[in-house]
Amino acid sequence: MFKKFSVRDDVSSSTSLKSSVQRHIRTGFCEQIPFLNLPAYSETPKDSKSQPTSSEPKEEEAEEEVTKSSGKGGKKKGGGKKGGKNKGGKEEVEEAAPEGEEQQLAVIDEIWPKKDALGISKCKDHINIYTLDGVPILWQHFDGPFIPSLKILHKYPAMLPHVQIDRGAIKFLLAGANMMAPGLLSKGGHLPDGLPADTVVAIHAEGKESACGIGKLVASSEEIKKSGKGIAVEVLCYIGDDLWLLEKLT
């Protein structure tokens, strides 16, 4: 979809969205991808077998922030005006809990802080790209599903279900071709059970750590496996396409 895309030729207008519209998009994005509602530094649910856990460094950094914040709060409280020892201790406990709760940001809050205004760039072929300070974070074709940018997916790899293509299909993916069933069903491929048609998936490649693209299943897992041929995944964006190369929409 972004094999040939340029800001000059394909973007017709860019503007900020009203608060009500932003809330509607935020709600729809979170309903479509439940992972966005999880605490930002929590572990990925154990039943997400096909999805790797969030990176450990992010979890450790978040935990350090909580520890530092709690420590700072306790120090401040100790120097309060009323110096009753027991009372001061009690107040410190009561104040520490809300402060700790403030650190429980959801993934969506890291990707899209509530105070940041979402912009929209309307493009040819009924594509809307949503941005923060000009940086694309998600996009939508017509009134279809919201698609996170591939760079956002790399930061949160458990955001989408994973499918895997074999080594032989990599060159076709990076050329923008749709993925065929044999590439998913071969020894080096993987297609999880239970995925319905039109599921938005992260496309991984055999031997590669990060997703190489994002696509949409044209049929359910069961139907693809039963057929064993034809297009299985419609490729929406991939590493090296013009959206990937785009740093900012200005």
Protein backbone atom coordinates (compact mmCIF):
# COMPACT_ATOMS: atom_id res chain seq x y z
CA MET A 1 0.00 0.00 0.00
CA PHE A 2 2.97 2.30 0.58
CA LYS A 3 5.23 0.87 -2.11
CA LYS A 4 5.09 4.21 -3.91
CA PHE A 5 4.14 7.03 -1.60
CA SER A 6 5.32 10.62 -1.26
CA VAL A 7 4.17 13.47 0.96
CA ARG A 8 4.21 15.93 -1.93
CA ASP A 9 2.14 13.83 -4.33
CA ASP A 10 -0.10 11.76 -2.05
CA VAL A 11 -0.97 13.95 0.97
CA SER A 12 -3.87 16.30 0.27
CA SER A 13 -4.17 17.93 3.72
CA SER A 14 -2.90 17.77 7.30
CA THR A 15 -4.69 19.09 10.37
CA SER A 16 -5.26 18.51 14.09
CA LEU A 17 -8.31 16.58 15.21
CA LYS A 18 -11.01 17.68 17.63
CA SER A 19 -10.85 16.17 21.11
CA SER A 20 -14.06 14.21 20.56
CA VAL A 21 -12.68 12.65 17.38
CA GLN A 22 -9.41 11.80 19.12
CA ARG A 23 -11.30 10.02 21.91
CA HIS A 24 -13.28 8.04 19.34
CA ILE A 25 -10.10 6.93 17.56
CA ARG A 26 -8.35 6.10 20.83
CA THR A 27 -11.29 3.98 21.98
CA GLY A 28 -11.54 2.17 18.65
CA PHE A 29 -7.79 1.49 18.52
CA CYS A 30 -7.80 0.02 22.05
CA GLU A 31 -10.90 -2.09 21.41
CA GLN A 32 -9.32 -3.51 18.27
CA ILE A 33 -5.97 -4.26 19.97
CA PRO A 34 -6.58 -5.22 23.65
CA PHE A 35 -2.81 -5.31 24.26
CA LEU A 36 -2.87 -1.49 24.29
CA ASN A 37 -4.84 -1.54 27.56
CA LEU A 38 -2.21 -3.56 29.44
CA PRO A 39 0.20 -1.84 31.86
CA ALA A 40 3.13 -0.55 29.86
CA TYR A 41 5.73 -2.57 31.76
CA SER A 42 3.74 -5.72 32.51
CA GLU A 43 4.57 -9.13 31.08
CA THR A 44 2.71 -10.38 28.05
CA PRO A 45 -0.16 -12.75 28.99
CA LYS A 46 1.02 -16.36 29.14
CA ASP A 47 -1.67 -17.53 26.72
CA SER A 48 -0.20 -15.39 23.90
CA LYS A 49 1.94 -18.29 22.73
CA SER A 50 2.69 -16.83 19.32
CA GLN A 51 3.67 -13.44 20.72
CA PRO A 52 7.03 -12.65 22.36
CA THR A 53 7.10 -10.74 25.65
CA SER A 54 7.85 -7.03 25.88
CA SER A 55 11.53 -6.12 26.09
CA GLU A 56 13.03 -6.42 29.59
CA PRO A 57 14.90 -3.09 29.51
CA LYS A 58 11.58 -1.21 29.25
CA GLU A 59 10.18 -3.10 32.23
CA GLU A 60 13.28 -2.38 34.32
CA GLU A 61 13.28 1.31 33.43
CA ALA A 62 9.63 1.62 34.35
CA GLU A 63 10.19 -0.14 37.67
CA GLU A 64 13.13 2.15 38.44
CA GLU A 65 10.89 5.16 37.80
CA VAL A 66 8.32 3.85 40.28
CA THR A 67 11.02 3.22 42.88
CA LYS A 68 12.54 6.68 42.45
CA SER A 69 9.16 8.37 42.56
CA SER A 70 8.14 6.51 45.71
CA GLY A 71 11.47 7.33 47.35
CA LYS A 72 11.16 11.01 46.53
CA GLY A 73 7.62 11.10 47.85
CA GLY A 74 8.66 9.51 51.13
CA LYS A 75 11.51 11.98 51.63
CA LYS A 76 9.26 14.95 51.02
CA LYS A 77 6.63 13.69 53.41
CA GLY A 78 9.17 13.19 56.16
CA GLY A 79 9.78 16.95 56.28
CA GLY A 80 6.11 17.86 56.76
CA LYS A 81 4.93 20.70 59.00
CA LYS A 82 3.39 18.47 61.66
CA GLY A 83 6.17 16.40 63.10
CA GLY A 84 4.22 13.62 64.86
CA LYS A 85 6.23 10.48 64.17
CA ASN A 86 3.31 8.05 63.90
CA LYS A 87 1.14 10.52 62.07
CA GLY A 88 3.89 11.34 59.61
CA GLY A 89 4.43 7.65 58.94
CA LYS A 90 0.73 7.08 58.38
CA GLU A 91 0.47 10.03 56.00
CA GLU A 92 3.46 8.72 54.04
CA VAL A 93 1.77 5.35 53.46
CA GLU A 94 -1.50 6.99 52.42
CA GLU A 95 0.26 9.33 49.98
CA ALA A 96 2.57 6.68 48.50
CA ALA A 97 -0.22 4.49 47.11
CA PRO A 98 -1.81 7.08 44.79
CA GLU A 99 1.65 8.16 43.62
CA GLY A 100 2.49 4.55 42.75
CA GLU A 101 -0.80 4.17 40.90
CA GLU A 102 0.03 7.15 38.70
CA GLN A 103 2.95 5.16 37.31
CA GLN A 104 0.61 2.43 36.03
CA LEU A 105 0.50 3.76 32.50
CA ALA A 106 -1.07 1.61 29.82
CA VAL A 107 0.76 0.84 26.59
CA ILE A 108 -1.52 3.26 24.73
CA ASP A 109 -0.39 6.04 27.10
CA GLU A 110 3.23 5.45 26.14
CA ILE A 111 2.45 5.38 22.45
CA TRP A 112 -0.03 8.24 22.57
CA PRO A 113 0.08 10.37 25.75
CA LYS A 114 -3.32 11.87 26.54
CA LYS A 115 -1.95 15.41 26.54
CA ASP A 116 -0.59 15.05 22.98
CA ALA A 117 -2.87 16.15 20.14
CA LEU A 118 -3.37 13.68 17.31
CA GLY A 119 -3.02 15.00 13.77
CA ILE A 120 -4.44 13.56 10.58
CA SER A 121 -2.99 13.57 7.09
CA LYS A 122 -5.53 12.72 4.42
CA CYS A 123 -3.94 10.91 1.51
CA LYS A 124 -4.87 9.52 -1.87
CA ASP A 125 -6.77 6.23 -2.10
CA HIS A 126 -8.73 7.05 1.08
CA ILE A 127 -5.78 6.55 3.42
CA ASN A 128 -5.66 8.50 6.69
CA ILE A 129 -2.35 8.66 8.52
CA TYR A 130 -2.54 9.71 12.18
CA THR A 131 0.46 11.51 13.64
CA LEU A 132 1.95 12.93 16.84
CA ASP A 133 4.14 15.95 16.14
CA GLY A 134 4.18 14.84 12.52
CA VAL A 135 5.40 11.29 13.32
CA PRO A 136 3.06 8.54 12.01
CA ILE A 137 1.82 6.19 14.74
CA LEU A 138 -1.13 4.53 13.00
CA TRP A 139 -3.14 4.67 9.80
CA GLN A 140 -6.42 3.54 8.32
CA HIS A 141 -7.69 2.67 4.86
CA PHE A 142 -11.33 3.72 4.25
CA ASP A 143 -13.17 2.71 7.45
CA GLY A 144 -11.05 -0.43 7.93
CA PRO A 145 -9.05 -1.42 11.01
CA PHE A 146 -6.46 0.87 12.57
CA ILE A 147 -2.97 -0.26 11.62
CA PRO A 148 -0.04 0.63 13.90
CA SER A 149 3.10 1.82 12.19
CA LEU A 150 5.73 -0.87 11.81
CA LYS A 151 8.12 1.17 13.98
CA ILE A 152 5.56 1.20 16.81
CA LEU A 153 5.11 -2.56 16.37
CA HIS A 154 8.86 -3.05 16.78
CA LYS A 155 8.67 -1.31 20.18
CA TYR A 156 5.71 -3.46 21.25
CA PRO A 157 6.08 -6.77 19.38
CA ALA A 158 3.27 -8.49 21.29
CA MET A 159 0.75 -5.98 19.99
CA LEU A 160 -0.42 -8.18 17.10
CA PRO A 161 -0.71 -11.95 16.50
CA HIS A 162 2.35 -13.35 14.72
CA VAL A 163 2.56 -15.34 11.52
CA GLN A 164 5.86 -16.47 10.06
CA ILE A 165 7.00 -16.95 6.48
CA ASP A 166 9.86 -19.19 5.39
CA ARG A 167 13.17 -17.81 4.12
CA GLY A 168 12.17 -18.19 0.50
CA ALA A 169 9.28 -15.74 0.89
CA ILE A 170 11.33 -12.91 2.43
CA LYS A 171 12.44 -11.37 -0.89
CA PHE A 172 8.84 -11.29 -2.10
CA LEU A 173 7.63 -9.62 1.10
CA LEU A 174 10.31 -6.94 0.88
CA ALA A 175 9.21 -6.30 -2.71
CA GLY A 176 5.67 -5.63 -1.52
CA ALA A 177 4.06 -8.88 -2.68
CA ASN A 178 1.22 -10.55 -0.81
CA MET A 179 2.13 -13.69 1.10
CA MET A 180 1.08 -17.05 -0.29
CA ALA A 181 -0.15 -19.96 1.82
CA PRO A 182 2.83 -22.28 1.08
CA GLY A 183 5.22 -19.74 2.62
CA LEU A 184 3.31 -19.94 5.90
CA LEU A 185 2.67 -23.67 5.87
CA SER A 186 6.19 -24.88 5.00
CA LYS A 187 8.72 -26.08 7.56
CA GLY A 188 10.08 -22.58 8.17
CA GLY A 189 6.66 -20.95 8.35
CA HIS A 190 4.07 -20.72 11.09
CA LEU A 191 0.35 -19.97 11.09
CA PRO A 192 -1.40 -20.06 14.50
CA ASP A 193 -4.74 -21.79 14.83
CA GLY A 194 -7.91 -19.87 15.56
CA LEU A 195 -7.26 -16.64 13.69
CA PRO A 196 -10.37 -15.42 11.85
CA ALA A 197 -10.38 -13.82 8.40
CA ASP A 198 -9.34 -10.13 8.30
CA THR A 199 -7.16 -10.46 11.41
CA VAL A 200 -4.35 -7.89 11.32
CA VAL A 201 -1.08 -9.75 11.91
CA ALA A 202 2.61 -9.09 12.35
CA ILE A 203 4.54 -10.84 9.58
CA HIS A 204 7.76 -12.38 10.85
CA ALA A 205 10.34 -14.16 8.74
CA GLU A 206 12.28 -17.31 9.48
CA GLY A 207 15.53 -16.39 11.25
CA LYS A 208 14.56 -12.74 11.83
CA GLU A 209 13.81 -11.30 15.26
CA SER A 210 11.60 -8.31 14.42
CA ALA A 211 8.51 -8.19 12.24
CA CYS A 212 9.21 -7.52 8.58
CA GLY A 213 5.70 -6.34 7.79
CA ILE A 214 2.07 -6.04 8.77
CA GLY A 215 -0.73 -7.75 6.89
CA LYS A 216 -4.31 -8.96 7.01
CA LEU A 217 -5.46 -12.58 6.70
CA VAL A 218 -7.65 -13.07 3.64
CA ALA A 219 -9.26 -16.14 5.24
CA SER A 220 -9.28 -17.90 8.60
CA SER A 221 -6.33 -20.02 9.73
CA GLU A 222 -8.35 -23.17 9.18
CA GLU A 223 -9.38 -22.18 5.66
CA ILE A 224 -5.82 -21.29 4.68
CA LYS A 225 -4.48 -24.59 6.01
CA LYS A 226 -7.25 -26.56 4.31
CA SER A 227 -6.65 -24.90 0.95
CA GLY A 228 -2.85 -24.81 1.17
CA LYS A 229 -2.55 -22.49 -1.80
CA GLY A 230 -3.32 -18.98 -2.96
CA ILE A 231 -2.90 -15.67 -1.16
CA ALA A 232 -3.00 -16.03 2.63
CA VAL A 233 -1.95 -12.57 3.83
CA GLU A 234 -2.60 -9.23 2.17
CA VAL A 235 0.53 -7.19 2.90
CA LEU A 236 -0.28 -3.69 4.15
CA CYS A 237 3.17 -2.30 4.95
CA TYR A 238 6.70 -3.66 5.20
CA ILE A 239 10.28 -2.73 6.01
CA GLY A 240 11.65 -0.50 3.27
CA ASP A 241 8.37 0.83 1.91
CA ASP A 242 7.80 4.59 1.74
CA LEU A 243 5.91 4.74 5.05
CA TRP A 244 8.80 3.00 6.80
CA LEU A 245 11.24 5.50 5.27
CA LEU A 246 9.09 8.47 6.27
CA GLU A 247 10.33 10.19 9.42
CA LYS A 248 7.75 12.98 9.61
CA LEU A 249 4.72 14.27 7.75
CA THR A 250 5.17 18.04 7.58
